Amino acid sequence: MLGGKVQKEQVLTLGPRLHFRCDEYPPFVVHAPSPISAGREGVNTFTDSVVTHLKQHFNISKTKKDESIVTNEVEGNKREKKHEWRCIDYCFWMIGYMCTTWWLLSLVYGCLPATLFGFEAPESPGVRLSREGVTALHPVVLVPGIVIGGLELWEGRSCAEGLFRKRLWGDSFVQILKRPLCWLEHLSLHDETGLDPPGIRVRAVPGLVAADNFASGYLLWADLIENLARIGYEGRNLFMSAYDWRLSFQNTEIRDQALSRLKSHIELMFVTNGYKKVVVVPQSMGAIYFLHFLKWVETPPPMGGGGGGPGWCDKYIKAIMNISPAFLGDPRAVSNIFSTEGSVTFVRALASGILNFDYLGRQTLERVMRVCRTWDSIISLMPKGGETIWGGLDWCLEQWNTYDQQEISWGSNSATFNLSCEAVWTDYDEMSRESIQKVAKKRDYTASTVFDLLNFVAPKMMKRGEAHFSHGIAKNLDDPKYAHHKYWSNPLETKLPDAPDMEIYCLYGVGILTERSHIHKFSTSEKDKSIPFQIDSSVDREEEGSWLQNGVYYVDGDESVPIVSSGFMCAKG
């Protein structure tokens, strides 16, 4: 408006957009609103708008920049952490490096000639005999001992799904790691019949593979089989008489016809090898198992025998070569039944890497005791001959002094044991505290009175055992009662077969400490209620002519069987 005249309104039009740029922030654009009047009010409005846009942009940009910096720092930290080496990484790399190095060294060593370093491997007996012209003559039958033969599953519970015909015993024992309680359940027998529990069938692995190797790196018959093969032995003239070593000897015939199959195989080998007699090689418990067979094969079928007649052994058997025979038993069997705690018990000796570390929980020994007390074969290894052979409280063959036991404080009495829901039942749980204390106060048990003790603490097992085994000395072998099969495995209560041309050899070790007897203590602890007796490892004394270490008396033997048992009728007879 000029000179009082109204002029056409002048409009200051800014461009459609304003461009701003800053070194620290990225460029941005502010779009101007609709045309703004040129007046002060319009300019102020536009200025305020620009300032507002600048603040918003700078704040947002700064925030994004800060977020970008934080994100980069986090990613950088992650990358740094990925490259950090922890202790476990070093351990795994070290183990891998050592295993690889060992494998490479073994490979290189195996490729080198044996004489490169001036060392030559000793020549095996089989190679030497073959070079000397020795060849196979008589067929050979091998008879393994207790816990030696493999066992495989033919029928089982749902927990054993996928294990059909897989070895439960005599392999790598991986099943212990996978399902230990299921494994023990399938190794158990019926606690009344001594045969298969309902729904479970475990059978002996047949053939030479039954006991050639017990587990990885633990050779049994493999070396002997290999050396026999060097001089011409093979499947037609070499046989492994596998049987279920858990059963009583007569039950191996009742359930599996193991004795009948052994008889038939000996007769077949006799015919197919030019009518040459068979040489039998039993080992450990296999020696008394085959002694049972010798009497069984001569006995008529109505009396539980094989019907071979009196002349069968003389016709078919050339010789019996016993290896470490347990003719008069093994004292470890007593400790196994009593406390399952012998330093080399029948199960723990061969699965020590698992059971000795309480893998099955607090009740490891209780579970092992329940399994072992279903195996009637252990009773066959109880000492035979009583005090006449093994000595009493005032004397023994090894002439050691009697150990003076200290008085034991029993603590307060408790009438019964109360089982928790996690407890493992044993025979001791059926006994009152007073009854167990009476057992402990008896102090000393000999080879005769120990049967009274075991009848008291393991009644079911001993009842089954009395039907299949005897451990006395016969006063008159012509007494008709000795025709019963329970006497056939005791050399003190049965006659040798009618075979004047049959030869008997004994091969056993000497000069090695072997368990002879054990000193147990009574535990008053509540956690030990299922197995209240333990070997007293605090007792340790060396005596002239014998050794007492960690509660165990040692005598001369082959580490497994004392010489008084393995040398019966061989060392002195």
Protein backbone atom coordinates (compact mmCIF):
# COMPACT_ATOMS: atom_id res chain seq x y z
CA MET A 1 0.00 0.00 0.00
CA LEU A 2 1.65 3.31 -1.22
CA GLY A 3 0.37 6.83 -1.20
CA GLY A 4 -2.81 5.69 0.32
CA LYS A 5 -3.48 3.56 -2.66
CA VAL A 6 -3.97 0.00 -2.40
CA GLN A 7 -1.40 -1.72 -4.48
CA LYS A 8 -1.40 -5.27 -5.57
CA GLU A 9 -0.03 -7.38 -2.71
CA GLN A 10 3.63 -8.15 -3.17
CA VAL A 11 4.52 -11.73 -2.44
CA LEU A 12 8.02 -12.87 -1.65
CA THR A 13 8.28 -16.31 -3.08
CA LEU A 14 11.13 -18.50 -1.95
CA GLY A 15 12.26 -21.34 -4.08
CA PRO A 16 10.52 -24.66 -3.69
CA ARG A 17 13.23 -26.04 -1.38
CA LEU A 18 16.26 -24.97 0.65
CA HIS A 19 19.45 -27.07 0.63
CA PHE A 20 21.63 -27.23 3.74
CA ARG A 21 24.99 -28.93 4.11
CA CYS A 22 27.26 -29.56 7.12
CA ASP A 23 30.59 -31.34 7.33
CA GLU A 24 29.61 -33.36 10.37
CA TYR A 25 26.11 -34.28 9.18
CA PRO A 26 24.72 -35.44 5.90
CA PRO A 27 23.00 -32.84 3.66
CA PHE A 28 19.29 -32.33 4.04
CA VAL A 29 16.46 -30.43 2.34
CA VAL A 30 13.79 -28.24 3.89
CA HIS A 31 10.71 -27.84 1.76
CA ALA A 32 9.28 -24.37 2.13
CA PRO A 33 5.59 -24.23 2.86
CA SER A 34 3.20 -22.28 0.73
CA PRO A 35 4.40 -18.85 -0.31
CA ILE A 36 5.12 -16.65 2.64
CA SER A 37 4.24 -13.02 2.94
CA ALA A 38 7.14 -10.59 2.89
CA GLY A 39 6.10 -9.11 6.18
CA ARG A 40 7.98 -9.49 9.46
CA GLU A 41 5.45 -12.00 10.68
CA GLY A 42 5.93 -14.18 7.63
CA VAL A 43 9.72 -14.03 7.86
CA ASN A 44 9.63 -14.94 11.53
CA THR A 45 7.33 -17.82 10.81
CA PHE A 46 9.63 -19.12 8.10
CA THR A 47 12.69 -18.68 10.36
CA ASP A 48 11.03 -20.63 13.14
CA SER A 49 10.16 -23.38 10.69
CA VAL A 50 13.75 -23.62 9.44
CA VAL A 51 15.17 -23.69 12.96
CA THR A 52 12.71 -26.42 13.96
CA HIS A 53 13.69 -28.50 10.92
CA LEU A 54 17.38 -27.98 11.69
CA LYS A 55 16.99 -29.12 15.31
CA GLN A 56 14.99 -32.17 14.36
CA HIS A 57 17.40 -33.16 11.64
CA PHE A 58 20.51 -32.64 13.71
CA ASN A 59 19.07 -34.57 16.68
CA ILE A 60 17.91 -37.47 14.50
CA SER A 61 21.21 -37.58 12.64
CA LYS A 62 23.14 -37.47 15.87
CA THR A 63 20.99 -40.25 17.32
CA LYS A 64 21.48 -42.37 14.20
CA LYS A 65 25.18 -41.67 14.32
CA ASP A 66 25.34 -42.68 17.98
CA GLU A 67 23.33 -45.82 17.24
CA SER A 68 25.66 -46.62 14.37
CA ILE A 69 28.68 -46.18 16.62
CA VAL A 70 27.15 -48.44 19.30
CA THR A 71 26.21 -51.04 16.71
CA ASN A 72 29.73 -51.02 15.29
CA GLU A 73 31.18 -51.39 18.77
CA VAL A 74 28.90 -54.37 19.55
CA GLU A 75 29.76 -56.07 16.28
CA GLY A 76 33.42 -55.42 16.93
CA ASN A 77 33.14 -56.94 20.39
CA LYS A 78 31.39 -59.98 18.91
CA ARG A 79 34.16 -60.38 16.38
CA GLU A 80 36.73 -60.09 19.14
CA LYS A 81 34.87 -62.66 21.26
CA LYS A 82 34.71 -65.07 18.35
CA HIS A 83 38.47 -65.04 18.22
CA GLU A 84 38.95 -65.51 21.96
CA TRP A 85 40.33 -68.96 22.92
CA ARG A 86 38.86 -70.55 25.98
CA CYS A 87 40.52 -73.26 28.09
CA ILE A 88 38.22 -75.95 26.72
CA ASP A 89 39.23 -75.02 23.17
CA TYR A 90 42.87 -75.56 24.03
CA CYS A 91 42.02 -78.89 25.66
CA PHE A 92 40.15 -80.20 22.62
CA TRP A 93 42.85 -79.06 20.25
CA MET A 94 45.49 -80.68 22.45
CA ILE A 95 43.57 -83.96 22.58
CA GLY A 96 43.07 -83.90 18.82
CA TYR A 97 46.74 -83.12 18.27
CA MET A 98 47.86 -85.95 20.56
CA CYS A 99 45.49 -88.48 18.98
CA THR A 100 46.57 -87.50 15.48
CA THR A 101 50.24 -87.68 16.45
CA TRP A 102 49.76 -91.08 18.08
CA TRP A 103 47.92 -92.40 15.04
CA LEU A 104 50.62 -91.16 12.67
CA LEU A 105 53.41 -92.60 14.80
CA SER A 106 51.60 -95.94 15.01
CA LEU A 107 51.12 -95.95 11.25
CA VAL A 108 54.77 -95.16 10.60
CA TYR A 109 55.94 -97.71 13.17
CA GLY A 110 53.75 -100.38 11.62
CA CYS A 111 55.23 -99.74 8.20
CA LEU A 112 58.83 -100.02 9.39
CA PRO A 113 60.59 -103.39 9.32
CA ALA A 114 60.89 -105.07 12.71
CA THR A 115 64.68 -105.30 12.48
CA LEU A 116 65.27 -101.61 11.69
CA PHE A 117 66.09 -100.70 15.31
CA GLY A 118 67.75 -103.99 16.13
CA PHE A 119 64.61 -105.32 17.79
CA GLU A 120 62.93 -108.48 16.60
CA ALA A 121 59.58 -109.64 17.94
CA PRO A 122 59.77 -113.00 19.72
CA GLU A 123 58.67 -115.92 17.64
CA SER A 124 55.29 -117.27 18.64
CA PRO A 125 55.05 -120.92 19.74
CA GLY A 126 52.79 -121.71 16.81
CA VAL A 127 55.30 -120.40 14.26
CA ARG A 128 58.16 -122.27 15.92
CA LEU A 129 56.21 -125.54 16.07
CA SER A 130 55.10 -125.14 12.47
CA ARG A 131 58.70 -124.62 11.37
CA GLU A 132 59.67 -127.77 13.27
CA GLY A 133 57.05 -129.73 11.37
CA VAL A 134 54.44 -130.11 14.11
CA THR A 135 50.91 -130.44 12.74
CA ALA A 136 47.43 -130.84 14.21
CA LEU A 137 46.69 -134.34 15.44
CA HIS A 138 43.97 -134.59 18.07
CA PRO A 139 40.85 -132.43 17.92
CA VAL A 140 40.70 -129.78 20.66
CA VAL A 141 37.72 -128.58 22.72
CA LEU A 142 38.03 -125.40 24.80
CA VAL A 143 35.86 -124.92 27.90
CA PRO A 144 35.86 -121.33 29.28
CA GLY A 145 35.29 -120.39 32.92
CA ILE A 146 33.00 -117.99 34.74
CA VAL A 147 32.36 -114.50 33.23
CA ILE A 148 34.55 -115.44 30.25
CA GLY A 149 31.97 -116.35 27.63
CA GLY A 150 29.90 -113.76 25.81
CA LEU A 151 26.14 -113.41 26.34
CA GLU A 152 23.68 -112.05 23.77
CA LEU A 153 20.05 -110.95 23.95
CA TRP A 154 17.30 -112.92 22.23
CA GLU A 155 14.29 -111.48 24.03
CA GLY A 156 14.01 -108.57 26.42
CA ARG A 157 11.98 -105.79 27.96
CA SER A 158 11.00 -102.60 26.19
CA CYS A 159 14.08 -100.82 27.56
CA ALA A 160 16.26 -103.19 25.51
CA GLU A 161 14.66 -102.25 22.19
CA GLY A 162 17.15 -102.52 19.33
CA LEU A 163 19.52 -104.92 21.14
CA PHE A 164 18.35 -108.18 19.56
CA ARG A 165 21.35 -110.54 19.33
CA LYS A 166 23.63 -107.79 20.60
CA ARG A 167 26.16 -108.71 23.25
CA LEU A 168 25.19 -107.77 26.76
CA TRP A 169 28.35 -109.36 28.16
CA GLY A 170 31.79 -109.80 26.69
CA ASP A 171 31.93 -106.75 24.42
CA SER A 172 32.80 -103.09 25.00
CA PHE A 173 30.18 -102.69 27.77
CA VAL A 174 28.75 -99.64 26.03
CA GLN A 175 25.30 -100.74 27.17
CA ILE A 176 26.29 -99.92 30.75
CA LEU A 177 26.75 -96.30 29.75
CA LYS A 178 23.57 -96.14 27.70
CA ARG A 179 21.12 -97.94 29.99
CA PRO A 180 22.80 -99.40 33.09
CA LEU A 181 19.71 -100.45 35.02
CA CYS A 182 18.22 -102.16 31.97
CA TRP A 183 21.55 -103.94 31.43
CA LEU A 184 21.62 -105.28 35.00
CA GLU A 185 17.98 -106.35 34.78
CA HIS A 186 18.69 -108.48 31.71
CA LEU A 187 21.75 -110.11 33.29
CA SER A 188 19.72 -111.23 36.30
CA LEU A 189 18.11 -114.65 36.59
CA HIS A 190 14.91 -115.64 38.38
CA ASP A 191 15.57 -115.60 42.13
CA GLU A 192 13.56 -118.79 42.75
CA THR A 193 14.16 -121.01 39.72
CA GLY A 194 17.63 -119.79 38.74
CA LEU A 195 16.46 -119.74 35.11
CA ASP A 196 15.12 -117.02 32.79
CA PRO A 197 12.91 -114.29 34.25
CA PRO A 198 9.59 -113.83 32.40
CA GLY A 199 10.05 -112.03 29.10
CA ILE A 200 13.86 -112.21 29.06
CA ARG A 201 16.08 -114.63 27.13
CA VAL A 202 19.85 -114.15 27.26
CA ARG A 203 21.94 -116.90 25.69
CA ALA A 204 25.60 -117.80 25.31
CA VAL A 205 27.37 -116.64 22.16
CA PRO A 206 28.26 -119.76 20.13
CA GLY A 207 31.54 -120.65 18.48
CA LEU A 208 35.15 -119.56 18.93
CA VAL A 209 34.13 -115.90 19.10
CA ALA A 210 32.39 -116.60 22.41
CA ALA A 211 35.58 -116.14 24.43
CA ASP A 212 38.48 -115.29 22.12
CA ASN A 213 38.41 -111.62 23.17
CA PHE A 214 36.48 -110.44 26.19
CA ALA A 215 36.60 -106.72 25.45
CA SER A 216 38.71 -104.32 23.46
CA GLY A 217 42.35 -105.03 24.31
CA TYR A 218 41.50 -107.85 26.77
CA LEU A 219 42.62 -111.10 25.16
CA LEU A 220 41.48 -114.45 26.51
CA TRP A 221 41.65 -117.46 24.22
CA ALA A 222 42.67 -115.48 21.13
CA ASP A 223 46.42 -116.15 21.42
CA LEU A 224 45.92 -119.87 21.99
CA ILE A 225 43.52 -120.10 19.05
CA GLU A 226 45.97 -118.21 16.81
CA ASN A 227 48.89 -120.45 17.74
CA LEU A 228 46.82 -123.59 17.22
CA ALA A 229 45.84 -122.26 13.79
CA ARG A 230 49.57 -122.01 12.91
CA ILE A 231 49.89 -125.78 13.10
CA GLY A 232 46.72 -126.59 11.19
CA TYR A 233 43.77 -126.23 13.54
CA GLU A 234 40.52 -124.78 12.22
CA GLY A 235 36.77 -125.08 12.63
CA ARG A 236 36.62 -128.82 11.93
CA ASN A 237 39.07 -129.79 14.68
CA LEU A 238 38.85 -126.85 17.11
CA PHE A 239 35.68 -126.08 19.07
CA MET A 240 34.70 -123.69 21.87
CA SER A 241 32.13 -125.22 24.22
CA ALA A 242 30.25 -122.04 25.12
CA TYR A 243 27.62 -122.16 27.86
CA ASP A 244 25.71 -119.71 30.03
CA TRP A 245 28.12 -119.42 32.95
CA ARG A 246 25.45 -117.82 35.18
CA LEU A 247 23.45 -121.04 35.49
CA SER A 248 24.05 -124.04 37.69
CA PHE A 249 25.74 -126.80 35.72
CA GLN A 250 22.70 -129.06 35.53
CA ASN A 251 20.51 -126.13 34.49
CA THR A 252 22.70 -125.54 31.43
CA GLU A 253 21.44 -128.92 30.27
CA ILE A 254 17.83 -128.39 31.36
CA ARG A 255 17.47 -125.02 29.62
CA ASP A 256 19.98 -125.10 26.74
CA GLN A 257 21.00 -128.78 26.40
CA ALA A 258 24.59 -127.55 26.64
CA LEU A 259 25.93 -130.86 27.97
CA SER A 260 24.16 -132.84 25.23
CA ARG A 261 25.55 -130.55 22.54
CA LEU A 262 29.06 -130.90 24.00
CA LYS A 263 28.71 -134.70 23.96
CA SER A 264 27.48 -134.71 20.36
CA HIS A 265 30.23 -132.37 19.20
CA ILE A 266 32.97 -134.49 20.78
CA GLU A 267 31.55 -137.58 19.08
CA LEU A 268 31.35 -135.73 15.74
CA MET A 269 34.94 -134.45 15.98
CA PHE A 270 36.09 -137.96 16.83
CA VAL A 271 34.52 -139.36 13.66
CA THR A 272 35.41 -136.52 11.26
CA ASN A 273 39.07 -136.41 12.33
CA GLY A 274 40.00 -140.00 11.58
CA TYR A 275 38.72 -141.46 14.86
CA LYS A 276 41.29 -139.59 16.88
CA LYS A 277 40.42 -138.89 20.51
CA VAL A 278 39.68 -135.37 21.67
CA VAL A 279 41.86 -133.21 23.94
CA VAL A 280 39.77 -131.00 26.25
CA VAL A 281 41.18 -127.72 27.66
CA PRO A 282 39.02 -126.35 30.52
CA GLN A 283 39.88 -123.13 32.37
CA SER A 284 39.05 -121.97 35.93
CA MET A 285 35.41 -122.82 36.67
CA GLY A 286 35.34 -124.65 33.34
CA ALA A 287 37.41 -127.39 35.01
CA ILE A 288 34.67 -128.27 37.51
CA TYR A 289 32.02 -127.75 34.83
CA PHE A 290 33.73 -130.39 32.70
CA LEU A 291 34.17 -132.61 35.76
CA HIS A 292 30.38 -132.44 36.10
CA PHE A 293 30.12 -133.36 32.41
CA LEU A 294 32.34 -136.45 32.84
CA LYS A 295 29.99 -137.88 35.43
CA TRP A 296 26.87 -136.72 33.56
CA VAL A 297 27.87 -138.41 30.31
CA GLU A 298 28.30 -141.81 32.01
CA THR A 299 25.04 -141.62 33.97
CA PRO A 300 21.83 -143.12 32.51
CA PRO A 301 19.16 -140.64 31.36
CA PRO A 302 16.63 -141.64 34.05
CA MET A 303 19.13 -140.39 36.64
CA GLY A 304 19.67 -137.09 34.82
CA GLY A 305 22.66 -138.19 32.78
CA GLY A 306 23.64 -138.31 29.14
CA GLY A 307 23.51 -142.09 28.70
CA GLY A 308 27.01 -142.52 27.28
CA GLY A 309 27.84 -145.41 29.55
CA PRO A 310 30.94 -146.21 31.61
CA GLY A 311 33.31 -146.49 28.64
CA TRP A 312 32.38 -143.25 26.86
CA CYS A 313 35.21 -141.08 28.28
CA ASP A 314 37.86 -143.68 27.56
CA LYS A 315 36.64 -143.99 23.97
CA TYR A 316 36.41 -140.33 23.03
CA ILE A 317 38.77 -138.34 25.30
CA LYS A 318 42.53 -138.49 24.98
CA ALA A 319 43.48 -135.97 27.68
CA ILE A 320 42.18 -133.16 29.87
CA MET A 321 44.51 -130.16 30.24
CA ASN A 322 43.18 -127.96 33.05
CA ILE A 323 44.31 -124.31 33.08
CA SER A 324 44.17 -122.67 36.53
CA PRO A 325 41.45 -125.07 37.68
CA ALA A 326 39.28 -124.08 40.64
CA PHE A 327 38.86 -127.68 41.79
CA LEU A 328 38.36 -126.78 45.46
CA GLY A 329 36.75 -123.41 44.92
CA ASP A 330 37.73 -119.75 45.10
CA PRO A 331 37.51 -117.83 48.42
CA ARG A 332 36.44 -114.69 46.57
CA ALA A 333 33.05 -116.32 46.05
CA VAL A 334 32.34 -115.96 49.79
CA SER A 335 33.06 -112.23 49.80
CA ASN A 336 31.05 -111.80 46.63
CA ILE A 337 27.93 -113.30 48.20
CA PHE A 338 28.47 -111.71 51.62
CA SER A 339 29.25 -108.11 50.71
CA THR A 340 29.85 -107.89 46.93
CA GLU A 341 33.09 -106.19 47.86
CA GLY A 342 35.94 -108.55 47.10
CA SER A 343 38.86 -106.66 45.64
CA VAL A 344 38.28 -108.61 42.42
CA THR A 345 34.61 -109.54 42.42
CA PHE A 346 33.11 -111.31 39.48
CA VAL A 347 31.33 -108.34 37.97
CA ARG A 348 33.40 -105.36 39.03
CA ALA A 349 36.64 -106.97 37.84
CA LEU A 350 35.48 -106.81 34.24
CA ALA A 351 33.46 -103.63 34.24
CA SER A 352 35.57 -101.67 36.68
CA GLY A 353 35.68 -98.51 34.63
CA ILE A 354 31.96 -98.03 35.18
CA LEU A 355 30.85 -99.73 38.37
CA ASN A 356 33.77 -98.65 40.56
CA PHE A 357 32.85 -95.00 40.03
CA ASP A 358 29.29 -95.39 41.34
CA TYR A 359 27.83 -94.73 37.90
CA LEU A 360 24.55 -96.33 38.91
CA GLY A 361 24.06 -94.03 41.86
CA ARG A 362 24.45 -94.53 45.58
CA GLN A 363 23.12 -98.07 45.39
CA THR A 364 25.76 -99.45 43.01
CA LEU A 365 26.85 -102.33 45.24
CA GLU A 366 23.27 -103.10 46.21
CA ARG A 367 22.28 -103.47 42.56
CA VAL A 368 25.33 -105.61 41.81
CA MET A 369 24.55 -107.79 44.84
CA ARG A 370 21.00 -108.39 43.60
CA VAL A 371 22.33 -109.50 40.22
CA CYS A 372 25.12 -111.72 41.55
CA ARG A 373 22.82 -113.47 44.00
CA THR A 374 20.79 -114.80 41.07
CA TRP A 375 23.85 -116.51 39.54
CA ASP A 376 23.98 -120.05 40.94
CA SER A 377 27.36 -120.70 39.33
CA ILE A 378 29.03 -118.58 42.03
CA ILE A 379 28.02 -121.21 44.61
CA SER A 380 30.01 -123.80 42.66
CA LEU A 381 33.13 -121.78 43.53
CA MET A 382 32.54 -121.85 47.29
CA PRO A 383 35.47 -123.52 49.11
CA LYS A 384 35.14 -127.31 49.16
CA GLY A 385 36.42 -129.65 51.83
CA GLY A 386 35.74 -127.47 54.85
CA GLU A 387 38.33 -127.18 57.59
CA THR A 388 40.01 -130.41 56.49
CA ILE A 389 41.29 -128.66 53.36
CA TRP A 390 41.23 -124.95 54.21
CA GLY A 391 42.06 -125.08 57.91
CA GLY A 392 40.35 -123.76 61.02
CA LEU A 393 40.87 -121.01 63.56
CA ASP A 394 44.10 -122.47 64.92
CA TRP A 395 45.77 -123.78 61.78
CA CYS A 396 45.79 -123.71 58.00
CA LEU A 397 47.94 -125.06 55.20
CA GLU A 398 49.74 -121.75 54.76
CA GLN A 399 50.50 -121.55 58.53
CA TRP A 400 49.58 -117.92 59.16
CA ASN A 401 48.85 -116.49 62.57
CA THR A 402 45.32 -115.69 63.64
CA TYR A 403 44.48 -112.02 63.30
CA ASP A 404 43.51 -110.43 66.63
CA GLN A 405 40.35 -108.51 65.92
CA GLN A 406 39.55 -105.38 67.85
CA GLU A 407 36.32 -104.91 69.71
CA ILE A 408 33.68 -103.23 67.62
CA SER A 409 31.26 -100.65 68.99
CA TRP A 410 27.87 -101.40 67.49
CA GLY A 411 26.01 -98.26 68.56
CA SER A 412 22.30 -98.21 69.28
CA ASN A 413 20.03 -101.02 68.17
CA SER A 414 17.22 -100.60 65.69
CA ALA A 415 14.59 -103.26 65.19
CA THR A 416 13.98 -102.94 61.47
CA PHE A 417 15.09 -101.02 58.43
CA ASN A 418 12.71 -98.60 56.73
CA LEU A 419 13.23 -98.50 52.99
CA SER A 420 12.93 -95.19 51.19
CA CYS A 421 11.40 -94.98 47.73
CA GLU A 422 14.90 -94.79 46.22
CA ALA A 423 16.38 -97.69 48.17
CA VAL A 424 17.52 -100.90 46.49
CA TRP A 425 16.25 -104.01 48.21
CA THR A 426 18.67 -106.73 49.33
CA ASP A 427 18.35 -109.75 51.61
CA TYR A 428 19.79 -107.69 54.44
CA ASP A 429 16.71 -105.46 54.36
CA GLU A 430 14.62 -108.39 55.60
CA MET A 431 16.85 -108.85 58.63
CA SER A 432 16.51 -106.98 61.90
CA ARG A 433 19.36 -104.96 63.29
CA GLU A 434 19.73 -107.40 66.16
CA SER A 435 20.07 -110.33 63.76
CA ILE A 436 22.78 -108.58 61.79
CA GLN A 437 24.65 -107.75 64.99
CA LYS A 438 24.58 -111.42 65.99
CA VAL A 439 26.27 -112.24 62.70
CA ALA A 440 28.98 -109.68 63.40
CA LYS A 441 29.54 -110.81 67.00
CA LYS A 442 30.28 -114.37 65.85
CA ARG A 443 33.63 -112.91 64.71
CA ASP A 444 35.26 -115.86 62.93
CA TYR A 445 33.90 -118.06 60.18
CA THR A 446 35.77 -121.00 58.70
CA ALA A 447 35.28 -122.86 55.43
CA SER A 448 32.68 -124.99 57.22
CA THR A 449 30.77 -122.44 59.30
CA VAL A 450 30.67 -119.87 56.50
CA PHE A 451 27.83 -121.86 54.93
CA ASP A 452 25.72 -121.25 58.03
CA LEU A 453 26.47 -117.55 57.68
CA LEU A 454 25.48 -117.42 54.01
CA ASN A 455 22.34 -119.47 54.62
CA PHE A 456 21.37 -116.75 57.08
CA VAL A 457 22.17 -113.66 54.97
CA ALA A 458 21.35 -115.07 51.49
CA PRO A 459 18.69 -117.74 52.08
CA LYS A 460 17.14 -117.82 48.59
CA MET A 461 20.45 -118.15 46.80
CA MET A 462 21.78 -120.83 49.14
CA LYS A 463 18.52 -122.79 48.94
CA ARG A 464 18.88 -122.98 45.16
CA GLY A 465 22.56 -123.81 45.52
CA GLU A 466 21.97 -126.73 47.87
CA ALA A 467 19.90 -128.40 45.16
CA HIS A 468 22.77 -128.24 42.66
CA PHE A 469 26.09 -128.27 44.56
CA SER A 470 27.82 -129.91 47.50
CA HIS A 471 31.03 -128.80 49.23
CA GLY A 472 31.89 -131.60 51.64
CA ILE A 473 34.17 -134.64 51.66
CA ALA A 474 32.79 -138.09 50.91
CA LYS A 475 33.38 -140.76 53.53
CA ASN A 476 32.30 -143.56 51.21
CA LEU A 477 32.10 -142.88 47.47
CA ASP A 478 30.13 -146.10 47.00
CA ASP A 479 27.23 -144.58 48.90
CA PRO A 480 24.28 -144.35 46.43
CA LYS A 481 23.58 -140.75 47.43
CA TYR A 482 26.68 -139.60 45.54
CA ALA A 483 24.97 -140.55 42.28
CA HIS A 484 22.98 -137.31 42.54
CA HIS A 485 24.08 -134.57 40.16
CA LYS A 486 24.82 -132.06 42.93
CA TYR A 487 27.97 -134.04 43.84
CA TRP A 488 29.37 -134.33 40.32
CA SER A 489 31.35 -131.06 40.32
CA ASN A 490 33.10 -131.75 43.64
CA PRO A 491 36.27 -133.83 43.16
CA LEU A 492 36.09 -134.77 46.87
CA GLU A 493 32.67 -136.40 46.46
CA THR A 494 32.77 -138.04 43.05
CA LYS A 495 34.86 -140.65 41.31
CA LEU A 496 36.89 -140.09 38.20
CA PRO A 497 35.34 -141.63 35.06
CA ASP A 498 36.03 -145.19 34.04
CA ALA A 499 38.81 -144.25 31.62
CA PRO A 500 42.19 -145.86 32.41
CA ASP A 501 43.79 -144.46 29.24
CA MET A 502 42.59 -140.87 29.73
CA GLU A 503 45.27 -138.42 30.88
CA ILE A 504 44.78 -135.40 33.17
CA TYR A 505 47.14 -132.40 33.28
CA CYS A 506 47.12 -129.24 35.39
CA LEU A 507 48.62 -125.92 34.30
CA TYR A 508 48.59 -123.21 36.97
CA GLY A 509 50.66 -120.28 38.13
CA VAL A 510 52.57 -119.86 41.38
CA GLY A 511 54.41 -117.10 43.20
CA ILE A 512 51.70 -114.44 42.80
CA LEU A 513 49.69 -112.98 45.68
CA THR A 514 46.20 -114.48 45.60
CA GLU A 515 43.22 -113.78 47.85
CA ARG A 516 42.71 -116.38 50.57
CA SER A 517 40.31 -114.80 53.09
CA HIS A 518 38.81 -111.44 54.04
CA ILE A 519 38.30 -109.38 57.19
CA HIS A 520 34.96 -107.58 57.27
CA LYS A 521 33.70 -104.86 59.56
CA PHE A 522 30.17 -103.99 60.56
CA SER A 523 28.92 -100.57 59.48
CA THR A 524 26.35 -98.80 61.63
CA SER A 525 25.75 -96.09 59.06
CA GLU A 526 22.17 -95.72 57.85
CA LYS A 527 23.31 -95.39 54.24
CA ASP A 528 24.95 -98.84 54.46
CA LYS A 529 21.84 -100.60 55.74
CA SER A 530 21.41 -102.69 52.56
CA ILE A 531 25.00 -103.96 52.79
CA PRO A 532 26.08 -103.54 56.42
CA PHE A 533 29.37 -105.44 56.07
CA GLN A 534 32.45 -104.08 54.35
CA ILE A 535 36.04 -105.22 53.99
CA ASP A 536 38.09 -103.51 56.69
CA SER A 537 40.73 -101.83 54.55
CA SER A 538 42.42 -100.36 57.65
CA VAL A 539 43.84 -103.77 58.55
CA ASP A 540 47.28 -104.04 56.99
CA ARG A 541 50.00 -106.30 58.33
CA GLU A 542 52.64 -108.50 56.76
CA GLU A 543 53.26 -111.86 58.34
CA GLU A 544 55.79 -114.59 57.76
CA GLY A 545 54.52 -117.00 55.14
CA SER A 546 51.51 -114.91 54.20
CA TRP A 547 50.42 -111.33 53.59
CA LEU A 548 47.64 -109.22 55.03
CA GLN A 549 46.89 -106.08 53.06
CA ASN A 550 43.85 -103.83 53.25
CA GLY A 551 41.76 -106.43 55.03
CA VAL A 552 42.60 -109.28 52.65
CA TYR A 553 44.85 -112.27 53.36
CA TYR A 554 47.01 -113.25 50.40
CA VAL A 555 48.75 -116.57 49.76
CA ASP A 556 50.60 -118.27 46.95
CA GLY A 557 48.67 -118.75 43.73
CA ASP A 558 48.21 -117.41 40.22
CA GLU A 559 46.41 -114.18 41.30
CA SER A 560 43.05 -115.80 40.61
CA VAL A 561 42.95 -119.18 42.37
CA PRO A 562 45.03 -120.20 45.44
CA ILE A 563 47.39 -123.08 44.88
CA VAL A 564 45.55 -125.17 47.46
CA SER A 565 42.65 -125.25 44.97
CA SER A 566 44.34 -125.11 41.57
CA GLY A 567 47.04 -127.61 42.59
CA PHE A 568 44.69 -130.19 44.05
CA MET A 569 45.93 -133.66 43.05
CA CYS A 570 48.53 -132.01 40.85
CA ALA A 571 51.05 -130.46 43.25
CA LYS A 572 50.44 -133.10 45.90
CA GLY A 573 48.22 -136.10 45.50
